[in-house]
Amino acid sequence: MSNTTEWNDIEERVKLSEGADFSFDVAGAVTELAINKGNTAPMIVRILSIAGGLMAAATFMFFLAIADILDSEYVSTAFGVILIIGSLWVNRFVVNIVLDTLSISMYGIGFLLVMVGVVGMGVEEDFVAVLAMMMAIGSFSALRSKVLAFITVLIFNGAFMALALQHELYVLVQVYVLYHLIVLFFLYMEESTIILWDEKWAKLYRSVCSGFILSLLPALFLLMQPDLFSIEINHVWMTSLLNIGLILFVILKIMRSYDPVQGRYRPLIFVLSLAALIPLVLAPGVIGCLFILLLTYYGTHKTGFVIGALSFIYFIVQYYYELSFTLLVKSGILFLSGVLCLIVFGIVNKIFKADEKI
């Protein structure tokens, strides 16, 4: 297809969707489309490429161990830094699926070598965690790969969680959860602003969201199962109350998107939602996953929605079996919850049908 034909085709499709007055950088869009066409591959090829890269990384680490390179902390650290810099350079300036996979493997090996070297030097664990966070921030500012962006978000949040658990400051687990809730709320509520802010954010936005969602789940698990790890977390309900407030706000945004003018059903939906959420105030995992589901539904983020749905099912089952009630009472709770959900579904369905008639 010639450039002129491709330009016209893109302009027609975008203006048909956004309106005739909508303007955008057509040349930039065509250039980006050409790059994406040259870097596309079936999902199975990408998965196999990443798996092959991980196996290559493991083999390379084994070679380094045999060569006694890992025995020297300074050599290990220096070699790791070189690999990280090389992976970021490849990732930033080379657009190719094979080299992109190679850069991911190089980054993983380099990060592990730096951590092994720093720990071998006898550096305090606090500094190791802070160093991991700083490396994640520095790497994110230089990369443009979605997978590496996802990994750096996990590294940053994981180091923060390790720092809290290491000093047994379990209140920071709740701070960690609140921080994730607020960041996710901002990411999804201000999606258009973030994407338009910088070209890089437009590429990495979904990966960052997925990283924050996935790194939130272990903290919710800790709040739901503190005895399993012999930790004590007090006032869990405070985290749940903030979460409930954010959920109600997201519900309001969803209702406005479907029913921007008429608001006669909103008070009833708010009351029913609050009635369903209040009994779960001591189950932050369930409420947190509900928050993820609503946010990803509002932002049409399929990957995040699937993660939230699977996690929601798990936390619901866990919460149900940990209730200190008889089986009959548990059955009654499930029955009433199901009835309440059907009522909400009926109201929302009625609103949709009313909108379709209009």
Protein backbone atom coordinates (compact mmCIF):
# COMPACT_ATOMS: atom_id res chain seq x y z
CA MET A 1 0.00 0.00 0.00
CA SER A 2 1.37 3.42 -0.95
CA ASN A 3 1.88 6.11 1.67
CA THR A 4 -0.79 8.33 0.13
CA THR A 5 -3.39 5.57 0.16
CA GLU A 6 -2.44 4.60 3.71
CA TRP A 7 -2.68 8.21 4.89
CA ASN A 8 -6.14 8.60 3.39
CA ASP A 9 -7.32 5.31 4.86
CA ILE A 10 -6.15 6.28 8.36
CA GLU A 11 -7.72 9.75 8.12
CA GLU A 12 -11.07 8.34 7.01
CA ARG A 13 -11.21 5.74 9.80
CA VAL A 14 -10.19 8.17 12.55
CA LYS A 15 -12.52 10.97 11.43
CA LEU A 16 -15.37 8.50 11.08
CA SER A 17 -14.82 7.51 14.69
CA GLU A 18 -13.93 10.89 16.24
CA GLY A 19 -15.67 13.37 13.95
CA ALA A 20 -14.75 15.41 10.90
CA ASP A 21 -13.20 18.23 12.98
CA PHE A 22 -10.75 15.88 14.73
CA SER A 23 -7.10 16.50 13.77
CA PHE A 24 -3.97 14.47 14.44
CA ASP A 25 -0.44 13.84 13.17
CA VAL A 26 -1.12 11.54 10.22
CA ALA A 27 2.53 11.22 9.20
CA GLY A 28 3.51 10.23 12.75
CA ALA A 29 0.69 7.69 12.86
CA VAL A 30 1.80 6.11 9.59
CA THR A 31 5.42 5.95 10.81
CA GLU A 32 4.38 4.29 14.06
CA LEU A 33 2.16 1.87 12.13
CA ALA A 34 5.10 0.89 9.92
CA ILE A 35 7.25 0.23 13.01
CA ASN A 36 4.54 -1.91 14.57
CA LYS A 37 4.07 -3.87 11.35
CA GLY A 38 7.76 -4.66 11.29
CA ASN A 39 7.69 -5.82 14.89
CA THR A 40 4.55 -7.92 14.98
CA ALA A 41 4.50 -11.63 15.73
CA PRO A 42 1.95 -14.18 16.90
CA MET A 43 1.48 -14.37 20.66
CA ILE A 44 2.86 -17.91 20.79
CA VAL A 45 6.07 -16.68 19.11
CA ARG A 46 6.43 -13.92 21.69
CA ILE A 47 5.85 -16.34 24.58
CA LEU A 48 8.37 -18.82 23.18
CA SER A 49 10.87 -16.02 22.60
CA ILE A 50 10.59 -14.81 26.20
CA ALA A 51 10.79 -18.39 27.51
CA GLY A 52 13.87 -18.99 25.38
CA GLY A 53 15.41 -15.77 26.67
CA LEU A 54 14.82 -16.84 30.27
CA MET A 55 16.42 -20.23 29.60
CA ALA A 56 19.38 -18.51 27.97
CA ALA A 57 19.67 -16.23 31.00
CA ALA A 58 19.67 -19.23 33.36
CA THR A 59 22.33 -20.96 31.25
CA PHE A 60 24.44 -17.81 31.20
CA MET A 61 24.18 -17.44 35.00
CA PHE A 62 25.31 -21.06 35.33
CA PHE A 63 28.31 -20.32 33.11
CA LEU A 64 29.21 -17.30 35.23
CA ALA A 65 29.03 -19.42 38.36
CA ILE A 66 31.33 -22.06 36.82
CA ALA A 67 33.76 -19.36 35.68
CA ASP A 68 33.93 -18.05 39.28
CA ILE A 69 32.81 -14.63 38.12
CA LEU A 70 30.09 -14.59 40.78
CA ASP A 71 32.73 -15.19 43.46
CA SER A 72 33.98 -11.64 43.00
CA GLU A 73 31.41 -9.12 44.21
CA TYR A 74 32.98 -6.20 42.35
CA VAL A 75 33.27 -8.06 39.04
CA SER A 76 29.69 -9.31 39.40
CA THR A 77 28.38 -5.81 40.10
CA ALA A 78 30.36 -4.20 37.27
CA PHE A 79 29.30 -6.89 34.81
CA GLY A 80 25.68 -6.48 35.89
CA VAL A 81 25.78 -2.72 35.36
CA ILE A 82 27.23 -3.24 31.88
CA LEU A 83 24.46 -5.70 31.00
CA ILE A 84 21.74 -3.35 32.28
CA ILE A 85 23.10 -0.40 30.30
CA GLY A 86 23.45 -2.59 27.21
CA SER A 87 19.90 -3.92 27.53
CA LEU A 88 18.48 -0.40 27.89
CA TRP A 89 20.44 0.76 24.84
CA VAL A 90 19.20 -2.16 22.74
CA ASN A 91 15.67 -1.62 23.99
CA ARG A 92 15.71 2.08 23.23
CA PHE A 93 17.29 2.18 19.79
CA VAL A 94 16.55 -1.21 18.20
CA VAL A 95 13.04 -2.27 17.16
CA ASN A 96 13.09 -6.03 16.67
CA ILE A 97 11.30 -8.81 18.51
CA VAL A 98 14.43 -10.98 18.82
CA LEU A 99 16.61 -8.17 20.13
CA ASP A 100 13.77 -6.97 22.33
CA THR A 101 13.64 -10.41 23.94
CA LEU A 102 17.42 -10.37 24.27
CA SER A 103 17.28 -7.03 26.06
CA ILE A 104 14.80 -8.44 28.58
CA SER A 105 17.12 -11.37 29.31
CA MET A 106 20.13 -9.05 29.60
CA TYR A 107 18.26 -6.78 31.99
CA GLY A 108 17.21 -9.70 34.21
CA ILE A 109 20.74 -11.11 34.33
CA GLY A 110 22.25 -7.68 34.98
CA PHE A 111 19.83 -6.89 37.79
CA LEU A 112 20.50 -10.24 39.50
CA LEU A 113 24.27 -9.78 39.17
CA VAL A 114 24.12 -6.32 40.71
CA MET A 115 22.00 -7.56 43.61
CA VAL A 116 24.29 -10.57 44.19
CA GLY A 117 27.36 -8.34 44.08
CA VAL A 118 25.97 -5.69 46.42
CA VAL A 119 24.77 -8.28 48.94
CA GLY A 120 28.16 -10.01 48.76
CA MET A 121 29.85 -6.75 49.68
CA GLY A 122 28.04 -6.82 53.00
CA VAL A 123 25.88 -3.79 52.24
CA GLU A 124 22.91 -3.26 54.58
CA GLU A 125 19.62 -4.73 53.39
CA ASP A 126 17.93 -1.32 53.56
CA PHE A 127 20.39 0.08 51.05
CA VAL A 128 19.91 -2.95 48.79
CA ALA A 129 16.14 -2.35 48.70
CA VAL A 130 16.60 1.39 48.08
CA LEU A 131 19.14 0.63 45.36
CA ALA A 132 16.66 -1.72 43.65
CA MET A 133 14.02 1.02 43.73
CA MET A 134 16.44 3.58 42.29
CA MET A 135 17.54 1.16 39.55
CA ALA A 136 13.88 0.53 38.64
CA ILE A 137 13.17 4.28 38.41
CA GLY A 138 16.30 4.94 36.36
CA SER A 139 15.60 2.02 34.04
CA PHE A 140 11.99 3.09 33.48
CA SER A 141 13.09 6.57 32.43
CA ALA A 142 15.30 5.07 29.69
CA LEU A 143 13.31 2.10 28.36
CA ARG A 144 10.46 1.83 25.89
CA SER A 145 9.58 -1.88 26.12
CA LYS A 146 6.22 -2.82 27.57
CA VAL A 147 7.60 -5.97 29.20
CA LEU A 148 10.53 -4.13 30.79
CA ALA A 149 8.18 -1.39 32.00
CA PHE A 150 6.06 -4.07 33.64
CA ILE A 151 9.15 -5.64 35.24
CA THR A 152 10.50 -2.33 36.59
CA VAL A 153 7.15 -1.52 38.21
CA LEU A 154 7.18 -4.93 39.93
CA ILE A 155 10.79 -4.42 41.08
CA PHE A 156 10.06 -0.97 42.54
CA ASN A 157 6.95 -2.07 44.40
CA GLY A 158 8.51 -5.34 45.51
CA ALA A 159 11.51 -3.52 46.99
CA PHE A 160 9.19 -1.16 48.87
CA MET A 161 7.24 -4.11 50.29
CA ALA A 162 10.47 -5.90 51.27
CA LEU A 163 11.65 -2.76 53.07
CA ALA A 164 8.43 -2.67 55.12
CA LEU A 165 8.48 -6.37 56.03
CA GLN A 166 12.18 -6.38 56.82
CA HIS A 167 11.72 -3.88 59.67
CA GLU A 168 8.40 -5.43 60.73
CA LEU A 169 6.66 -2.12 60.08
CA TYR A 170 3.41 -3.81 59.18
CA VAL A 171 1.52 -0.54 59.14
CA LEU A 172 3.49 0.19 55.96
CA VAL A 173 1.68 -2.72 54.32
CA GLN A 174 -1.51 -0.70 54.66
CA VAL A 175 0.32 2.38 53.41
CA TYR A 176 1.52 0.27 50.48
CA VAL A 177 -2.08 -0.75 49.68
CA LEU A 178 -3.37 2.83 49.98
CA TYR A 179 -0.56 4.05 47.74
CA HIS A 180 -1.51 1.47 45.09
CA LEU A 181 -5.20 2.31 45.32
CA ILE A 182 -4.54 6.02 44.83
CA VAL A 183 -2.06 5.45 41.97
CA LEU A 184 -4.43 3.07 40.16
CA PHE A 185 -7.32 5.48 40.65
CA PHE A 186 -5.25 8.30 39.15
CA LEU A 187 -4.00 6.15 36.27
CA TYR A 188 -7.48 5.12 35.14
CA MET A 189 -9.34 8.34 35.90
CA GLU A 190 -6.75 10.46 34.09
CA GLU A 191 -6.00 8.03 31.27
CA SER A 192 -6.43 10.53 28.44
CA THR A 193 -4.25 13.14 30.16
CA ILE A 194 -1.47 10.63 30.85
CA ILE A 195 -1.47 9.22 27.32
CA LEU A 196 -1.42 12.67 25.72
CA TRP A 197 1.24 13.90 28.12
CA ASP A 198 4.07 12.00 26.44
CA GLU A 199 4.47 9.55 23.56
CA LYS A 200 6.29 7.12 25.83
CA TRP A 201 3.37 6.95 28.26
CA ALA A 202 1.03 6.15 25.39
CA LYS A 203 3.09 3.01 24.71
CA LEU A 204 3.75 1.93 28.30
CA TYR A 205 0.49 2.98 29.97
CA ARG A 206 -1.20 -0.44 30.00
CA SER A 207 1.96 -2.20 31.17
CA VAL A 208 2.31 0.21 34.09
CA CYS A 209 -1.33 -0.38 35.05
CA SER A 210 -0.86 -4.15 34.90
CA GLY A 211 2.28 -3.88 37.01
CA PHE A 212 0.52 -1.92 39.74
CA ILE A 213 -2.45 -4.29 39.72
CA LEU A 214 -0.25 -7.37 40.04
CA SER A 215 1.93 -5.83 42.75
CA LEU A 216 -1.16 -4.87 44.76
CA LEU A 217 -2.43 -8.46 45.06
CA PRO A 218 0.32 -9.81 47.41
CA ALA A 219 -0.37 -6.95 49.83
CA LEU A 220 -4.10 -7.71 49.78
CA PHE A 221 -3.23 -11.34 50.48
CA LEU A 222 -1.16 -10.24 53.49
CA LEU A 223 -4.07 -8.21 54.83
CA MET A 224 -6.39 -11.19 54.41
CA GLN A 225 -3.95 -13.76 55.83
CA PRO A 226 -1.75 -12.03 58.45
CA ASP A 227 -1.61 -15.10 60.70
CA LEU A 228 -0.14 -17.19 57.92
CA PHE A 229 3.03 -15.06 58.02
CA SER A 230 2.97 -14.42 61.78
CA ILE A 231 2.43 -10.70 61.36
CA GLU A 232 0.02 -8.37 63.10
CA ILE A 233 -1.86 -5.76 61.12
CA ASN A 234 -4.34 -3.56 63.00
CA HIS A 235 -7.22 -1.39 61.81
CA VAL A 236 -7.63 -3.14 58.46
CA TRP A 237 -11.06 -1.52 58.23
CA MET A 238 -9.44 1.88 57.64
CA THR A 239 -7.96 0.68 54.35
CA SER A 240 -11.31 -0.83 53.38
CA LEU A 241 -13.20 2.41 54.09
CA LEU A 242 -10.96 4.41 51.75
CA ASN A 243 -11.34 1.66 49.17
CA ILE A 244 -15.13 1.80 49.50
CA GLY A 245 -15.05 5.57 48.95
CA LEU A 246 -13.00 5.14 45.77
CA ILE A 247 -15.33 2.36 44.57
CA LEU A 248 -18.38 4.59 44.99
CA PHE A 249 -16.65 7.33 43.02
CA VAL A 250 -15.81 4.91 40.20
CA ILE A 251 -19.44 3.71 40.21
CA LEU A 252 -20.51 7.35 39.84
CA LYS A 253 -18.17 7.79 36.87
CA ILE A 254 -19.53 4.63 35.23
CA MET A 255 -23.13 5.74 35.76
CA ARG A 256 -22.38 9.16 34.29
CA SER A 257 -20.81 7.57 31.23
CA TYR A 258 -24.00 5.56 30.57
CA ASP A 259 -26.55 8.01 31.90
CA PRO A 260 -25.03 11.53 31.78
CA VAL A 261 -28.32 13.44 32.14
CA GLN A 262 -30.79 11.35 34.11
CA GLY A 263 -29.74 10.49 37.65
CA ARG A 264 -32.90 9.09 39.19
CA TYR A 265 -31.35 5.65 39.76
CA ARG A 266 -28.08 6.87 41.22
CA PRO A 267 -29.16 7.17 44.87
CA LEU A 268 -30.64 3.67 44.81
CA ILE A 269 -27.49 2.20 43.21
CA PHE A 270 -25.34 3.99 45.80
CA VAL A 271 -27.41 2.62 48.67
CA LEU A 272 -27.34 -0.93 47.29
CA SER A 273 -23.60 -0.72 46.59
CA LEU A 274 -22.89 0.55 50.10
CA ALA A 275 -25.09 -2.18 51.58
CA ALA A 276 -23.09 -4.80 49.67
CA LEU A 277 -19.70 -3.32 50.59
CA ILE A 278 -20.10 -2.60 54.30
CA PRO A 279 -20.23 -6.31 55.32
CA LEU A 280 -16.90 -6.75 53.52
CA VAL A 281 -15.11 -4.03 55.47
CA LEU A 282 -12.90 -6.64 57.17
CA ALA A 283 -12.14 -8.34 53.83
CA PRO A 284 -9.80 -5.85 52.09
CA GLY A 285 -8.87 -8.46 49.47
CA VAL A 286 -12.46 -8.75 48.22
CA ILE A 287 -13.02 -4.98 48.21
CA GLY A 288 -9.64 -4.38 46.56
CA CYS A 289 -10.44 -6.79 43.74
CA LEU A 290 -13.86 -5.17 43.27
CA PHE A 291 -12.04 -1.86 42.92
CA ILE A 292 -9.73 -3.38 40.29
CA LEU A 293 -12.68 -4.85 38.39
CA LEU A 294 -14.55 -1.55 38.28
CA LEU A 295 -11.47 0.44 37.29
CA THR A 296 -10.45 -1.93 34.50
CA TYR A 297 -14.04 -2.10 33.26
CA TYR A 298 -14.20 1.70 33.20
CA GLY A 299 -10.84 1.87 31.41
CA THR A 300 -11.60 -1.12 29.10
CA HIS A 301 -8.38 -2.82 30.23
CA LYS A 302 -8.93 -6.49 29.39
CA THR A 303 -5.74 -7.87 30.96
CA GLY A 304 -6.35 -6.01 34.21
CA PHE A 305 -9.98 -7.13 34.24
CA VAL A 306 -9.00 -10.80 33.88
CA ILE A 307 -6.43 -10.48 36.68
CA GLY A 308 -9.00 -8.75 38.89
CA ALA A 309 -11.70 -11.34 38.13
CA LEU A 310 -9.48 -14.32 38.97
CA SER A 311 -8.25 -12.64 42.15
CA PHE A 312 -11.81 -11.72 43.13
CA ILE A 313 -12.92 -15.35 42.84
CA TYR A 314 -10.00 -16.47 45.00
CA PHE A 315 -10.60 -13.88 47.74
CA ILE A 316 -14.35 -14.56 47.76
CA VAL A 317 -13.74 -18.29 48.30
CA GLN A 318 -11.16 -17.56 51.00
CA TYR A 319 -13.45 -15.09 52.77
CA TYR A 320 -16.36 -17.51 52.65
CA TYR A 321 -14.47 -20.43 54.20
CA GLU A 322 -12.95 -18.25 56.93
CA LEU A 323 -16.29 -16.94 58.18
CA SER A 324 -16.89 -18.17 61.74
CA PHE A 325 -20.52 -19.06 61.07
CA THR A 326 -22.41 -22.27 60.58
CA LEU A 327 -22.90 -23.64 57.09
CA LEU A 328 -26.56 -22.56 57.16
CA VAL A 329 -25.65 -18.95 57.99
CA LYS A 330 -22.97 -18.95 55.28
CA SER A 331 -25.53 -20.21 52.78
CA GLY A 332 -27.90 -17.44 53.83
CA ILE A 333 -25.17 -14.84 53.31
CA LEU A 334 -24.46 -16.16 49.84
CA PHE A 335 -28.16 -16.22 49.02
CA LEU A 336 -28.73 -12.62 50.14
CA SER A 337 -25.59 -11.47 48.34
CA GLY A 338 -26.82 -13.13 45.15
CA VAL A 339 -30.24 -11.49 45.47
CA LEU A 340 -28.61 -8.11 46.00
CA CYS A 341 -26.42 -8.57 42.93
CA LEU A 342 -29.46 -9.56 40.84
CA ILE A 343 -31.31 -6.43 41.99
CA VAL A 344 -28.37 -4.23 40.99
CA PHE A 345 -28.13 -6.07 37.66
CA GLY A 346 -31.83 -5.52 37.03
CA ILE A 347 -31.59 -1.80 37.73
CA VAL A 348 -28.50 -1.36 35.55
CA ASN A 349 -30.08 -3.41 32.76
CA LYS A 350 -33.18 -1.24 32.92
CA ILE A 351 -31.02 1.88 32.57
CA PHE A 352 -29.30 0.39 29.51
CA LYS A 353 -32.62 -0.42 27.86
CA ALA A 354 -33.87 3.09 28.57
CA ASP A 355 -30.76 4.52 26.92
CA GLU A 356 -31.24 2.28 23.88
CA LYS A 357 -34.81 3.52 23.43
CA ILE A 358 -33.58 7.10 23.50
